[in-house]
Amino acid sequence: MLVITDTISIPEREVEFSQIRASGPGGQHVNKVATAVQLRFDIRNSSLPDNCKHRLTALNDRRITEDGVIVIKAQQFRSLEQNKADALQRLRLLIRRALTTRKKRVPTKPSKASKSRRLDTKQLQGRRKSLRRKVTSFD
C-alpha cells in the first residue's frame, strides 16, 4: 500500500514494475544486471478519487502519456530495491503535486497615502530638474 496522504492511498497491485538495464556509465556491471526499474501507473483505471485523476491528467508532465499512464524510470542506485523505492517516492511526489491547489491571487489597489507619496516625489524630482536648467534673463 502506497500512502499518498492521510485519506488517499494506492494498492500495490495498481503499480506495475519492470526491470530494465540501466544506461550510462558503470562498466561490466551495467551490461550484466538489470537493476533499473520502470514504474507504470494507469491513472484512469486506478482507485484514486475522480478529482485527483482529473488533476493528474491535466498536469503538463512528460512522464504522463496521452493514454493516462505515468511512466517513471529509476536508475540512480545500483540495487533493484533502492530503485523501486525511489520510483515509488517520485510517484508519491507527483500525485501530491497534483493535489495541491494554488492560492487564488487577490488583486490589490494602491492606498491613498502611497499614491500621494508617489505624486509628491514626482513633483520634487521635477523641481530639482527645473533648477538644473540654464538661467535666462528677461530684460
C-alpha atoms as a PDB file:
ATOM      1  CA  MET A   1       0.000   0.000   0.000  1.00  0.00           C
ATOM      2  CA  LEU A   2       1.483   3.319  -1.135  1.00  0.00           C
ATOM      3  CA  VAL A   3       0.273   6.098   1.165  1.00  0.00           C
ATOM      4  CA  ILE A   4      -0.075   9.461  -0.587  1.00  0.00           C
ATOM      5  CA  THR A   5      -1.948  11.484   2.051  1.00  0.00           C
ATOM      6  CA  ASP A   6      -3.934  10.640   5.170  1.00  0.00           C
ATOM      7  CA  THR A   7      -7.004   9.873   3.067  1.00  0.00           C
ATOM      8  CA  ILE A   8      -5.528   8.694  -0.246  1.00  0.00           C
ATOM      9  CA  SER A   9      -3.521   5.516  -0.781  1.00  0.00           C
ATOM     10  CA  ILE A  10      -2.811   3.251  -3.747  1.00  0.00           C
ATOM     11  CA  PRO A  11      -2.815  -0.567  -3.577  1.00  0.00           C
ATOM     12  CA  GLU A  12       0.443  -2.076  -4.835  1.00  0.00           C
ATOM     13  CA  ARG A  13      -1.385  -4.196  -7.425  1.00  0.00           C
ATOM     14  CA  GLU A  14      -2.147  -0.989  -9.389  1.00  0.00           C
ATOM     15  CA  VAL A  15       1.556  -0.195  -9.767  1.00  0.00           C
ATOM     16  CA  GLU A  16       3.427  -2.259 -12.353  1.00  0.00           C
ATOM     17  CA  PHE A  17       7.209  -2.672 -12.221  1.00  0.00           C
ATOM     18  CA  SER A  18       9.502  -3.950 -14.930  1.00  0.00           C
ATOM     19  CA  GLN A  19      13.241  -4.470 -14.673  1.00  0.00           C
ATOM     20  CA  ILE A  20      15.385  -2.886 -17.353  1.00  0.00           C
ATOM     21  CA  ARG A  21      19.070  -2.394 -17.880  1.00  0.00           C
ATOM     22  CA  ALA A  22      20.389   0.928 -16.730  1.00  0.00           C
ATOM     23  CA  SER A  23      22.044   3.214 -19.241  1.00  0.00           C
ATOM     24  CA  GLY A  24      25.146   5.291 -18.702  1.00  0.00           C
ATOM     25  CA  PRO A  25      28.477   4.556 -17.043  1.00  0.00           C
ATOM     26  CA  GLY A  26      29.002   1.568 -14.796  1.00  0.00           C
ATOM     27  CA  GLY A  27      31.286  -0.793 -16.640  1.00  0.00           C
ATOM     28  CA  GLN A  28      30.602  -4.504 -16.836  1.00  0.00           C
ATOM     29  CA  HIS A  29      28.030  -4.363 -14.020  1.00  0.00           C
ATOM     30  CA  VAL A  30      25.588  -2.357 -16.173  1.00  0.00           C
ATOM     31  CA  ASN A  31      25.853  -4.822 -19.039  1.00  0.00           C
ATOM     32  CA  LYS A  32      25.122  -7.867 -16.868  1.00  0.00           C
ATOM     33  CA  VAL A  33      22.482  -6.821 -14.354  1.00  0.00           C
ATOM     34  CA  ALA A  34      19.032  -5.280 -14.859  1.00  0.00           C
ATOM     35  CA  THR A  35      18.851  -3.050 -11.789  1.00  0.00           C
ATOM     36  CA  ALA A  36      16.919  -0.127 -13.264  1.00  0.00           C
ATOM     37  CA  VAL A  37      13.165  -0.065 -12.742  1.00  0.00           C
ATOM     38  CA  GLN A  38      10.375   1.233 -14.933  1.00  0.00           C
ATOM     39  CA  LEU A  39       7.209   2.013 -12.985  1.00  0.00           C
ATOM     40  CA  ARG A  40       3.883   2.170 -14.826  1.00  0.00           C
ATOM     41  CA  PHE A  41       0.708   3.505 -13.190  1.00  0.00           C
ATOM     42  CA  ASP A  42      -2.572   3.750 -15.089  1.00  0.00           C
ATOM     43  CA  ILE A  43      -4.396   6.829 -13.825  1.00  0.00           C
ATOM     44  CA  ARG A  44      -7.790   6.076 -15.391  1.00  0.00           C
ATOM     45  CA  ASN A  45      -8.037   2.509 -14.035  1.00  0.00           C
ATOM     46  CA  SER A  46      -6.785   3.377 -10.559  1.00  0.00           C
ATOM     47  CA  SER A  47      -8.608   3.664  -7.254  1.00  0.00           C
ATOM     48  CA  LEU A  48      -7.759   7.367  -6.895  1.00  0.00           C
ATOM     49  CA  PRO A  49     -10.628   9.822  -6.347  1.00  0.00           C
ATOM     50  CA  ASP A  50     -12.052  11.389  -9.519  1.00  0.00           C
ATOM     51  CA  ASN A  51     -10.835  14.895  -8.747  1.00  0.00           C
ATOM     52  CA  CYS A  52      -7.304  13.547  -8.261  1.00  0.00           C
ATOM     53  CA  LYS A  53      -7.499  11.677 -11.587  1.00  0.00           C
ATOM     54  CA  HIS A  54      -8.577  14.838 -13.416  1.00  0.00           C
ATOM     55  CA  ARG A  55      -5.811  16.895 -11.855  1.00  0.00           C
ATOM     56  CA  LEU A  56      -3.184  14.273 -12.703  1.00  0.00           C
ATOM     57  CA  THR A  57      -4.232  14.008 -16.345  1.00  0.00           C
ATOM     58  CA  ALA A  58      -4.302  17.815 -16.593  1.00  0.00           C
ATOM     59  CA  LEU A  59      -0.687  18.094 -15.409  1.00  0.00           C
ATOM     60  CA  ASN A  60       1.789  19.112 -18.067  1.00  0.00           C
ATOM     61  CA  ASP A  61       4.394  16.469 -17.300  1.00  0.00           C
ATOM     62  CA  ARG A  62       6.420  14.445 -19.797  1.00  0.00           C
ATOM     63  CA  ARG A  63       6.106  11.333 -17.606  1.00  0.00           C
ATOM     64  CA  ILE A  64       2.346  11.133 -18.268  1.00  0.00           C
ATOM     65  CA  THR A  65       1.442   9.602 -21.630  1.00  0.00           C
ATOM     66  CA  GLU A  66      -1.569  10.520 -23.763  1.00  0.00           C
ATOM     67  CA  ASP A  67      -3.275   7.317 -22.586  1.00  0.00           C
ATOM     68  CA  GLY A  68      -3.095   8.499 -18.970  1.00  0.00           C
ATOM     69  CA  VAL A  69      -0.257   6.232 -17.861  1.00  0.00           C
ATOM     70  CA  ILE A  70       2.520   7.529 -15.628  1.00  0.00           C
ATOM     71  CA  VAL A  71       5.910   6.087 -16.625  1.00  0.00           C
ATOM     72  CA  ILE A  72       8.802   6.632 -14.213  1.00  0.00           C
ATOM     73  CA  LYS A  73      12.292   5.257 -14.868  1.00  0.00           C
ATOM     74  CA  ALA A  74      14.527   4.913 -11.806  1.00  0.00           C
ATOM     75  CA  GLN A  75      18.181   4.011 -12.315  1.00  0.00           C
ATOM     76  CA  GLN A  76      20.033   6.139  -9.800  1.00  0.00           C
ATOM     77  CA  PHE A  77      21.080   3.309  -7.490  1.00  0.00           C
ATOM     78  CA  ARG A  78      22.890   0.017  -8.087  1.00  0.00           C
ATOM     79  CA  SER A  79      20.315  -2.100  -6.284  1.00  0.00           C
ATOM     80  CA  LEU A  80      16.875  -3.001  -7.557  1.00  0.00           C
ATOM     81  CA  GLU A  81      15.167  -2.407  -4.212  1.00  0.00           C
ATOM     82  CA  GLN A  82      16.529   1.123  -3.867  1.00  0.00           C
ATOM     83  CA  ASN A  83      15.429   1.969  -7.404  1.00  0.00           C
ATOM     84  CA  LYS A  84      11.913   0.621  -6.689  1.00  0.00           C
ATOM     85  CA  ALA A  85      11.693   2.740  -3.552  1.00  0.00           C
ATOM     86  CA  ASP A  86      12.931   5.773  -5.497  1.00  0.00           C
ATOM     87  CA  ALA A  87      10.324   5.245  -8.234  1.00  0.00           C
ATOM     88  CA  LEU A  88       7.527   4.920  -5.662  1.00  0.00           C
ATOM     89  CA  GLN A  89       8.688   8.059  -3.883  1.00  0.00           C
ATOM     90  CA  ARG A  90       8.683  10.001  -7.173  1.00  0.00           C
ATOM     91  CA  LEU A  91       5.168   8.726  -7.946  1.00  0.00           C
ATOM     92  CA  ARG A  92       4.019   9.845  -4.476  1.00  0.00           C
ATOM     93  CA  LEU A  93       5.508  13.319  -5.022  1.00  0.00           C
ATOM     94  CA  LEU A  94       3.899  13.628  -8.464  1.00  0.00           C
ATOM     95  CA  ILE A  95       0.447  12.789  -7.110  1.00  0.00           C
ATOM     96  CA  ARG A  96       0.895  15.147  -4.145  1.00  0.00           C
ATOM     97  CA  ARG A  97       1.912  17.934  -6.526  1.00  0.00           C
ATOM     98  CA  ALA A  98      -1.302  17.378  -8.475  1.00  0.00           C
ATOM     99  CA  LEU A  99      -3.364  17.577  -5.283  1.00  0.00           C
ATOM    100  CA  THR A 100      -2.034  20.921  -4.094  1.00  0.00           C
ATOM    101  CA  THR A 101      -4.223  23.847  -5.039  1.00  0.00           C
ATOM    102  CA  ARG A 102      -2.695  27.172  -5.852  1.00  0.00           C
ATOM    103  CA  LYS A 103      -3.762  30.048  -3.695  1.00  0.00           C
ATOM    104  CA  LYS A 104      -6.056  32.423  -5.578  1.00  0.00           C
ATOM    105  CA  ARG A 105      -4.492  35.811  -6.143  1.00  0.00           C
ATOM    106  CA  VAL A 106      -6.441  38.684  -4.658  1.00  0.00           C
ATOM    107  CA  PRO A 107      -5.896  41.836  -6.719  1.00  0.00           C
ATOM    108  CA  THR A 108      -4.994  44.843  -4.587  1.00  0.00           C
ATOM    109  CA  LYS A 109      -5.101  48.592  -5.148  1.00  0.00           C
ATOM    110  CA  PRO A 110      -2.504  51.113  -4.019  1.00  0.00           C
ATOM    111  CA  SER A 111      -3.524  53.037  -0.922  1.00  0.00           C
ATOM    112  CA  LYS A 112      -4.345  56.750  -0.967  1.00  0.00           C
ATOM    113  CA  ALA A 113      -1.206  57.541   1.051  1.00  0.00           C
ATOM    114  CA  SER A 114       1.060  55.636  -1.339  1.00  0.00           C
ATOM    115  CA  LYS A 115      -0.479  57.479  -4.312  1.00  0.00           C
ATOM    116  CA  SER A 116       0.115  60.867  -2.675  1.00  0.00           C
ATOM    117  CA  ARG A 117       3.712  59.897  -1.747  1.00  0.00           C
ATOM    118  CA  ARG A 118       4.378  58.911  -5.354  1.00  0.00           C
ATOM    119  CA  LEU A 119       2.978  62.194  -6.685  1.00  0.00           C
ATOM    120  CA  ASP A 120       4.940  64.226  -4.103  1.00  0.00           C
ATOM    121  CA  THR A 121       8.226  62.614  -5.095  1.00  0.00           C
ATOM    122  CA  LYS A 122       7.407  63.227  -8.766  1.00  0.00           C
ATOM    123  CA  GLN A 123       6.848  66.924  -8.075  1.00  0.00           C
ATOM    124  CA  LEU A 124      10.041  67.138  -6.046  1.00  0.00           C
ATOM    125  CA  GLN A 125      12.039  65.486  -8.818  1.00  0.00           C
ATOM    126  CA  GLY A 126      10.501  67.879 -11.360  1.00  0.00           C
ATOM    127  CA  ARG A 127      11.519  70.886  -9.272  1.00  0.00           C
ATOM    128  CA  ARG A 128      15.084  69.584  -8.997  1.00  0.00           C
ATOM    129  CA  LYS A 129      15.308  69.144 -12.748  1.00  0.00           C
ATOM    130  CA  SER A 130      13.880  72.602 -13.437  1.00  0.00           C
ATOM    131  CA  LEU A 131      16.595  74.112 -11.223  1.00  0.00           C
ATOM    132  CA  ARG A 132      19.253  72.471 -13.420  1.00  0.00           C
ATOM    133  CA  ARG A 133      18.160  74.430 -16.495  1.00  0.00           C
ATOM    134  CA  LYS A 134      20.056  77.444 -17.778  1.00  0.00           C
ATOM    135  CA  VAL A 135      19.013  80.738 -16.334  1.00  0.00           C
ATOM    136  CA  THR A 136      17.761  83.117 -18.989  1.00  0.00           C
ATOM    137  CA  SER A 137      17.458  86.835 -18.424  1.00  0.00           C
ATOM    138  CA  PHE A 138      14.201  88.544 -19.208  1.00  0.00           C
ATOM    139  CA  ASP A 139      15.308  92.204 -19.715  1.00  0.00           C
END
